[in-house]
Amino acid sequence: SGGGLVQAGGSLRLSCAASGRAFS
């Protein structure tokens, strides 16, 4: 999540949520 439309020079922060016990 976190994608979108931005102008050059701008910023975005993407996130990736994982299911439980599937990350660490």
mmCIF file of all heavy atoms, coordinates in Angstrom:
data_MODEL
# 
_entry.id   MODEL 
# 
loop_
_atom_site.group_PDB 
_atom_site.id 
_atom_site.type_symbol 
_atom_site.label_atom_id 
_atom_site.label_alt_id 
_atom_site.label_comp_id 
_atom_site.label_asym_id 
_atom_site.label_entity_id 
_atom_site.label_seq_id 
_atom_site.pdbx_PDB_ins_code 
_atom_site.Cartn_x 
_atom_site.Cartn_y 
_atom_site.Cartn_z 
_atom_site.occupancy 
_atom_site.B_iso_or_equiv 
_atom_site.pdbx_formal_charge 
_atom_site.auth_seq_id 
_atom_site.auth_comp_id 
_atom_site.auth_asym_id 
_atom_site.auth_atom_id 
_atom_site.pdbx_PDB_model_num 
ATOM 1   N N   . SER A 1 1  ? 0.843  -1.178  0.000   1.00 0.00 ? 1  SER A N   1 
ATOM 2   C CA  . SER A 1 1  ? 0.000  0.000   0.000   1.00 0.00 ? 1  SER A CA  1 
ATOM 3   C C   . SER A 1 1  ? 0.887  1.238   0.000   1.00 0.00 ? 1  SER A C   1 
ATOM 4   O O   . SER A 1 1  ? 2.089  1.147   0.212   1.00 0.00 ? 1  SER A O   1 
ATOM 5   C CB  . SER A 1 1  ? -0.936 0.020   1.210   1.00 0.00 ? 1  SER A CB  1 
ATOM 6   O OG  . SER A 1 1  ? -0.206 0.065   2.422   1.00 0.00 ? 1  SER A OG  1 
ATOM 7   N N   . GLY A 1 2  ? 0.285  2.387   -0.240  1.00 0.00 ? 2  GLY A N   1 
ATOM 8   C CA  . GLY A 1 2  ? 1.007  3.642   -0.186  1.00 0.00 ? 2  GLY A CA  1 
ATOM 9   C C   . GLY A 1 2  ? 1.368  4.237   -1.525  1.00 0.00 ? 2  GLY A C   1 
ATOM 10  O O   . GLY A 1 2  ? 1.904  5.344   -1.584  1.00 0.00 ? 2  GLY A O   1 
ATOM 11  N N   . GLY A 1 3  ? 1.087  3.522   -2.600  1.00 0.00 ? 3  GLY A N   1 
ATOM 12  C CA  . GLY A 1 3  ? 1.379  4.063   -3.909  1.00 0.00 ? 3  GLY A CA  1 
ATOM 13  C C   . GLY A 1 3  ? 0.444  5.202   -4.261  1.00 0.00 ? 3  GLY A C   1 
ATOM 14  O O   . GLY A 1 3  ? -0.561 5.434   -3.600  1.00 0.00 ? 3  GLY A O   1 
ATOM 15  N N   . GLY A 1 4  ? 0.793  5.909   -5.317  1.00 0.00 ? 4  GLY A N   1 
ATOM 16  C CA  . GLY A 1 4  ? -0.022 7.024   -5.748  1.00 0.00 ? 4  GLY A CA  1 
ATOM 17  C C   . GLY A 1 4  ? 0.661  7.826   -6.818  1.00 0.00 ? 4  GLY A C   1 
ATOM 18  O O   . GLY A 1 4  ? 1.659  7.399   -7.397  1.00 0.00 ? 4  GLY A O   1 
ATOM 19  N N   . LEU A 1 5  ? 0.104  8.993   -7.072  1.00 0.00 ? 5  LEU A N   1 
ATOM 20  C CA  . LEU A 1 5  ? 0.617  9.911   -8.082  1.00 0.00 ? 5  LEU A CA  1 
ATOM 21  C C   . LEU A 1 5  ? 1.305  11.081  -7.398  1.00 0.00 ? 5  LEU A C   1 
ATOM 22  O O   . LEU A 1 5  ? 0.707  11.746  -6.544  1.00 0.00 ? 5  LEU A O   1 
ATOM 23  C CB  . LEU A 1 5  ? -0.521 10.411  -8.966  1.00 0.00 ? 5  LEU A CB  1 
ATOM 24  C CG  . LEU A 1 5  ? -0.189 11.506  -9.975  1.00 0.00 ? 5  LEU A CG  1 
ATOM 25  C CD1 . LEU A 1 5  ? 0.805  10.995  -11.009 1.00 0.00 ? 5  LEU A CD1 1 
ATOM 26  C CD2 . LEU A 1 5  ? -1.461 12.003  -10.641 1.00 0.00 ? 5  LEU A CD2 1 
ATOM 27  N N   . VAL A 1 6  ? 2.547  11.324  -7.771  1.00 0.00 ? 6  VAL A N   1 
ATOM 28  C CA  . VAL A 1 6  ? 3.302  12.444  -7.220  1.00 0.00 ? 6  VAL A CA  1 
ATOM 29  C C   . VAL A 1 6  ? 4.078  13.129  -8.331  1.00 0.00 ? 6  VAL A C   1 
ATOM 30  O O   . VAL A 1 6  ? 4.349  12.538  -9.380  1.00 0.00 ? 6  VAL A O   1 
ATOM 31  C CB  . VAL A 1 6  ? 4.279  12.009  -6.106  1.00 0.00 ? 6  VAL A CB  1 
ATOM 32  C CG1 . VAL A 1 6  ? 3.532  11.419  -4.924  1.00 0.00 ? 6  VAL A CG1 1 
ATOM 33  C CG2 . VAL A 1 6  ? 5.288  11.010  -6.651  1.00 0.00 ? 6  VAL A CG2 1 
ATOM 34  N N   . GLN A 1 7  ? 4.436  14.367  -8.082  1.00 0.00 ? 7  GLN A N   1 
ATOM 35  C CA  . GLN A 1 7  ? 5.279  15.094  -9.014  1.00 0.00 ? 7  GLN A CA  1 
ATOM 36  C C   . GLN A 1 7  ? 6.741  14.760  -8.772  1.00 0.00 ? 7  GLN A C   1 
ATOM 37  O O   . GLN A 1 7  ? 7.126  14.347  -7.676  1.00 0.00 ? 7  GLN A O   1 
ATOM 38  C CB  . GLN A 1 7  ? 5.062  16.599  -8.873  1.00 0.00 ? 7  GLN A CB  1 
ATOM 39  C CG  . GLN A 1 7  ? 3.708  17.081  -9.345  1.00 0.00 ? 7  GLN A CG  1 
ATOM 40  C CD  . GLN A 1 7  ? 3.590  18.590  -9.320  1.00 0.00 ? 7  GLN A CD  1 
ATOM 41  O OE1 . GLN A 1 7  ? 4.066  19.241  -8.396  1.00 0.00 ? 7  GLN A OE1 1 
ATOM 42  N NE2 . GLN A 1 7  ? 2.955  19.142  -10.341 1.00 0.00 ? 7  GLN A NE2 1 
ATOM 43  N N   . ALA A 1 8  ? 7.534  14.922  -9.801  1.00 0.00 ? 8  ALA A N   1 
ATOM 44  C CA  . ALA A 1 8  ? 8.967  14.711  -9.657  1.00 0.00 ? 8  ALA A CA  1 
ATOM 45  C C   . ALA A 1 8  ? 9.508  15.539  -8.502  1.00 0.00 ? 8  ALA A C   1 
ATOM 46  O O   . ALA A 1 8  ? 9.153  16.709  -8.342  1.00 0.00 ? 8  ALA A O   1 
ATOM 47  C CB  . ALA A 1 8  ? 9.685  15.060  -10.950 1.00 0.00 ? 8  ALA A CB  1 
ATOM 48  N N   . GLY A 1 9  ? 10.353 14.912  -7.709  1.00 0.00 ? 9  GLY A N   1 
ATOM 49  C CA  . GLY A 1 9  ? 10.898 15.556  -6.532  1.00 0.00 ? 9  GLY A CA  1 
ATOM 50  C C   . GLY A 1 9  ? 10.118 15.285  -5.268  1.00 0.00 ? 9  GLY A C   1 
ATOM 51  O O   . GLY A 1 9  ? 10.600 15.589  -4.168  1.00 0.00 ? 9  GLY A O   1 
ATOM 52  N N   . GLY A 1 10 ? 8.947  14.704  -5.406  1.00 0.00 ? 10 GLY A N   1 
ATOM 53  C CA  . GLY A 1 10 ? 8.117  14.405  -4.258  1.00 0.00 ? 10 GLY A CA  1 
ATOM 54  C C   . GLY A 1 10 ? 8.514  13.113  -3.575  1.00 0.00 ? 10 GLY A C   1 
ATOM 55  O O   . GLY A 1 10 ? 9.480  12.453  -3.953  1.00 0.00 ? 10 GLY A O   1 
ATOM 56  N N   . SER A 1 11 ? 7.727  12.748  -2.567  1.00 0.00 ? 11 SER A N   1 
ATOM 57  C CA  . SER A 1 11 ? 8.029  11.578  -1.757  1.00 0.00 ? 11 SER A CA  1 
ATOM 58  C C   . SER A 1 11 ? 6.800  10.709  -1.565  1.00 0.00 ? 11 SER A C   1 
ATOM 59  O O   . SER A 1 11 ? 5.663  11.187  -1.572  1.00 0.00 ? 11 SER A O   1 
ATOM 60  C CB  . SER A 1 11 ? 8.558  11.988  -0.374  1.00 0.00 ? 11 SER A CB  1 
ATOM 61  O OG  . SER A 1 11 ? 9.761  12.712  -0.468  1.00 0.00 ? 11 SER A OG  1 
ATOM 62  N N   . LEU A 1 12 ? 7.042  9.430   -1.387  1.00 0.00 ? 12 LEU A N   1 
ATOM 63  C CA  . LEU A 1 12 ? 6.019  8.466   -1.029  1.00 0.00 ? 12 LEU A CA  1 
ATOM 64  C C   . LEU A 1 12 ? 6.619  7.467   -0.055  1.00 0.00 ? 12 LEU A C   1 
ATOM 65  O O   . LEU A 1 12 ? 7.820  7.211   -0.090  1.00 0.00 ? 12 LEU A O   1 
ATOM 66  C CB  . LEU A 1 12 ? 5.491  7.711   -2.249  1.00 0.00 ? 12 LEU A CB  1 
ATOM 67  C CG  . LEU A 1 12 ? 4.525  8.412   -3.192  1.00 0.00 ? 12 LEU A CG  1 
ATOM 68  C CD1 . LEU A 1 12 ? 4.273  7.529   -4.409  1.00 0.00 ? 12 LEU A CD1 1 
ATOM 69  C CD2 . LEU A 1 12 ? 3.218  8.730   -2.492  1.00 0.00 ? 12 LEU A CD2 1 
ATOM 70  N N   . ARG A 1 13 ? 5.776  6.916   0.785   1.00 0.00 ? 13 ARG A N   1 
ATOM 71  C CA  . ARG A 1 13 ? 6.190  5.848   1.672   1.00 0.00 ? 13 ARG A CA  1 
ATOM 72  C C   . ARG A 1 13 ? 5.314  4.632   1.419   1.00 0.00 ? 13 ARG A C   1 
ATOM 73  O O   . ARG A 1 13 ? 4.109  4.668   1.661   1.00 0.00 ? 13 ARG A O   1 
ATOM 74  C CB  . ARG A 1 13 ? 6.081  6.262   3.136   1.00 0.00 ? 13 ARG A CB  1 
ATOM 75  C CG  . ARG A 1 13 ? 6.746  5.275   4.095   1.00 0.00 ? 13 ARG A CG  1 
ATOM 76  C CD  . ARG A 1 13 ? 6.360  5.545   5.527   1.00 0.00 ? 13 ARG A CD  1 
ATOM 77  N NE  . ARG A 1 13 ? 7.218  4.844   6.469   1.00 0.00 ? 13 ARG A NE  1 
ATOM 78  C CZ  . ARG A 1 13 ? 6.898  4.604   7.730   1.00 0.00 ? 13 ARG A CZ  1 
ATOM 79  N NH1 . ARG A 1 13 ? 5.736  5.032   8.220   1.00 0.00 ? 13 ARG A NH1 1 
ATOM 80  N NH2 . ARG A 1 13 ? 7.743  3.962   8.520   1.00 0.00 ? 13 ARG A NH2 1 
ATOM 81  N N   . LEU A 1 14 ? 5.928  3.570   0.938   1.00 0.00 ? 14 LEU A N   1 
ATOM 82  C CA  . LEU A 1 14 ? 5.219  2.337   0.681   1.00 0.00 ? 14 LEU A CA  1 
ATOM 83  C C   . LEU A 1 14 ? 5.283  1.427   1.895   1.00 0.00 ? 14 LEU A C   1 
ATOM 84  O O   . LEU A 1 14 ? 6.272  1.423   2.628   1.00 0.00 ? 14 LEU A O   1 
ATOM 85  C CB  . LEU A 1 14 ? 5.818  1.605   -0.519  1.00 0.00 ? 14 LEU A CB  1 
ATOM 86  C CG  . LEU A 1 14 ? 5.924  2.392   -1.829  1.00 0.00 ? 14 LEU A CG  1 
ATOM 87  C CD1 . LEU A 1 14 ? 6.466  1.476   -2.924  1.00 0.00 ? 14 LEU A CD1 1 
ATOM 88  C CD2 . LEU A 1 14 ? 4.583  2.982   -2.223  1.00 0.00 ? 14 LEU A CD2 1 
ATOM 89  N N   . SER A 1 15 ? 4.228  0.668   2.089   1.00 0.00 ? 15 SER A N   1 
ATOM 90  C CA  . SER A 1 15 ? 4.179  -0.305  3.161   1.00 0.00 ? 15 SER A CA  1 
ATOM 91  C C   . SER A 1 15 ? 3.832  -1.667  2.592   1.00 0.00 ? 15 SER A C   1 
ATOM 92  O O   . SER A 1 15 ? 3.144  -1.778  1.579   1.00 0.00 ? 15 SER A O   1 
ATOM 93  C CB  . SER A 1 15 ? 3.133  0.086   4.215   1.00 0.00 ? 15 SER A CB  1 
ATOM 94  O OG  . SER A 1 15 ? 3.451  1.310   4.824   1.00 0.00 ? 15 SER A OG  1 
ATOM 95  N N   . CYS A 1 16 ? 4.308  -2.689  3.243   1.00 0.00 ? 16 CYS A N   1 
ATOM 96  C CA  . CYS A 1 16 ? 3.987  -4.061  2.889   1.00 0.00 ? 16 CYS A CA  1 
ATOM 97  C C   . CYS A 1 16 ? 3.653  -4.793  4.168   1.00 0.00 ? 16 CYS A C   1 
ATOM 98  O O   . CYS A 1 16 ? 4.529  -5.012  5.010   1.00 0.00 ? 16 CYS A O   1 
ATOM 99  C CB  . CYS A 1 16 ? 5.159  -4.724  2.167   1.00 0.00 ? 16 CYS A CB  1 
ATOM 100 S SG  . CYS A 1 16 ? 4.940  -6.486  1.861   1.00 0.00 ? 16 CYS A SG  1 
ATOM 101 N N   . ALA A 1 17 ? 2.397  -5.154  4.311   1.00 0.00 ? 17 ALA A N   1 
ATOM 102 C CA  . ALA A 1 17 ? 1.937  -5.864  5.493   1.00 0.00 ? 17 ALA A CA  1 
ATOM 103 C C   . ALA A 1 17 ? 1.940  -7.364  5.229   1.00 0.00 ? 17 ALA A C   1 
ATOM 104 O O   . ALA A 1 17 ? 1.379  -7.822  4.235   1.00 0.00 ? 17 ALA A O   1 
ATOM 105 C CB  . ALA A 1 17 ? 0.540  -5.397  5.883   1.00 0.00 ? 17 ALA A CB  1 
ATOM 106 N N   . ALA A 1 18 ? 2.557  -8.097  6.113   1.00 0.00 ? 18 ALA A N   1 
ATOM 107 C CA  . ALA A 1 18 ? 2.657  -9.543  5.979   1.00 0.00 ? 18 ALA A CA  1 
ATOM 108 C C   . ALA A 1 18 ? 1.749  -10.232 6.979   1.00 0.00 ? 18 ALA A C   1 
ATOM 109 O O   . ALA A 1 18 ? 1.442  -9.700  8.040   1.00 0.00 ? 18 ALA A O   1 
ATOM 110 C CB  . ALA A 1 18 ? 4.096  -9.997  6.182   1.00 0.00 ? 18 ALA A CB  1 
ATOM 111 N N   . SER A 1 19 ? 1.312  -11.412 6.622   1.00 0.00 ? 19 SER A N   1 
ATOM 112 C CA  . SER A 1 19 ? 0.499  -12.204 7.523   1.00 0.00 ? 19 SER A CA  1 
ATOM 113 C C   . SER A 1 19 ? 1.313  -12.614 8.736   1.00 0.00 ? 19 SER A C   1 
ATOM 114 O O   . SER A 1 19 ? 2.543  -12.654 8.697   1.00 0.00 ? 19 SER A O   1 
ATOM 115 C CB  . SER A 1 19 ? -0.065 -13.427 6.804   1.00 0.00 ? 19 SER A CB  1 
ATOM 116 O OG  . SER A 1 19 ? 0.984  -14.244 6.300   1.00 0.00 ? 19 SER A OG  1 
ATOM 117 N N   . GLY A 1 20 ? 0.621  -12.929 9.799   1.00 0.00 ? 20 GLY A N   1 
ATOM 118 C CA  . GLY A 1 20 ? 1.271  -13.285 11.040  1.00 0.00 ? 20 GLY A CA  1 
ATOM 119 C C   . GLY A 1 20 ? 2.201  -14.480 10.901  1.00 0.00 ? 20 GLY A C   1 
ATOM 120 O O   . GLY A 1 20 ? 1.906  -15.421 10.166  1.00 0.00 ? 20 GLY A O   1 
ATOM 121 N N   . ARG A 1 21 ? 3.321  -14.410 11.594  1.00 0.00 ? 21 ARG A N   1 
ATOM 122 C CA  . ARG A 1 21 ? 4.322  -15.463 11.615  1.00 0.00 ? 21 ARG A CA  1 
ATOM 123 C C   . ARG A 1 21 ? 4.928  -15.742 10.245  1.00 0.00 ? 21 ARG A C   1 
ATOM 124 O O   . ARG A 1 21 ? 5.469  -16.820 10.014  1.00 0.00 ? 21 ARG A O   1 
ATOM 125 C CB  . ARG A 1 21 ? 3.744  -16.750 12.209  1.00 0.00 ? 21 ARG A CB  1 
ATOM 126 C CG  . ARG A 1 21 ? 3.316  -16.605 13.651  1.00 0.00 ? 21 ARG A CG  1 
ATOM 127 C CD  . ARG A 1 21 ? 2.708  -17.891 14.179  1.00 0.00 ? 21 ARG A CD  1 
ATOM 128 N NE  . ARG A 1 21 ? 2.345  -17.772 15.585  1.00 0.00 ? 21 ARG A NE  1 
ATOM 129 C CZ  . ARG A 1 21 ? 1.192  -17.291 16.015  1.00 0.00 ? 21 ARG A CZ  1 
ATOM 130 N NH1 . ARG A 1 21 ? 0.275  -16.881 15.145  1.00 0.00 ? 21 ARG A NH1 1 
ATOM 131 N NH2 . ARG A 1 21 ? 0.938  -17.216 17.311  1.00 0.00 ? 21 ARG A NH2 1 
ATOM 132 N N   . ALA A 1 22 ? 4.837  -14.800 9.358   1.00 0.00 ? 22 ALA A N   1 
ATOM 133 C CA  . ALA A 1 22 ? 5.399  -14.944 8.015   1.00 0.00 ? 22 ALA A CA  1 
ATOM 134 C C   . ALA A 1 22 ? 6.402  -13.840 7.700   1.00 0.00 ? 22 ALA A C   1 
ATOM 135 O O   . ALA A 1 22 ? 6.741  -13.640 6.541   1.00 0.00 ? 22 ALA A O   1 
ATOM 136 C CB  . ALA A 1 22 ? 4.294  -14.955 6.975   1.00 0.00 ? 22 ALA A CB  1 
ATOM 137 N N   . PHE A 1 23 ? 6.867  -13.142 8.720   1.00 0.00 ? 23 PHE A N   1 
ATOM 138 C CA  . PHE A 1 23 ? 7.714  -11.988 8.516   1.00 0.00 ? 23 PHE A CA  1 
ATOM 139 C C   . PHE A 1 23 ? 9.070  -12.138 9.205   1.00 0.00 ? 23 PHE A C   1 
ATOM 140 O O   . PHE A 1 23 ? 10.112 -12.066 8.553   1.00 0.00 ? 23 PHE A O   1 
ATOM 141 C CB  . PHE A 1 23 ? 7.000  -10.734 9.020   1.00 0.00 ? 23 PHE A CB  1 
ATOM 142 C CG  . PHE A 1 23 ? 7.643  -9.442  8.608   1.00 0.00 ? 23 PHE A CG  1 
ATOM 143 C CD1 . PHE A 1 23 ? 7.472  -8.944  7.339   1.00 0.00 ? 23 PHE A CD1 1 
ATOM 144 C CD2 . PHE A 1 23 ? 8.414  -8.735  9.517   1.00 0.00 ? 23 PHE A CD2 1 
ATOM 145 C CE1 . PHE A 1 23 ? 8.057  -7.748  6.966   1.00 0.00 ? 23 PHE A CE1 1 
ATOM 146 C CE2 . PHE A 1 23 ? 8.998  -7.531  9.152   1.00 0.00 ? 23 PHE A CE2 1 
ATOM 147 C CZ  . PHE A 1 23 ? 8.820  -7.041  7.870   1.00 0.00 ? 23 PHE A CZ  1 
ATOM 148 N N   . SER A 1 24 ? 9.048  -12.323 10.497  1.00 0.00 ? 24 SER A N   1 
ATOM 149 C CA  . SER A 1 24 ? 10.302 -12.454 11.232  1.00 0.00 ? 24 SER A CA  1 
ATOM 150 C C   . SER A 1 24 ? 11.082 -13.666 10.739  1.00 0.00 ? 24 SER A C   1 
ATOM 151 O O   . SER A 1 24 ? 10.521 -14.724 10.480  1.00 0.00 ? 24 SER A O   1 
ATOM 152 C CB  . SER A 1 24 ? 10.029 -12.589 12.732  1.00 0.00 ? 24 SER A CB  1 
ATOM 153 O OG  . SER A 1 24 ? 9.418  -11.424 13.243  1.00 0.00 ? 24 SER A OG  1 
# 
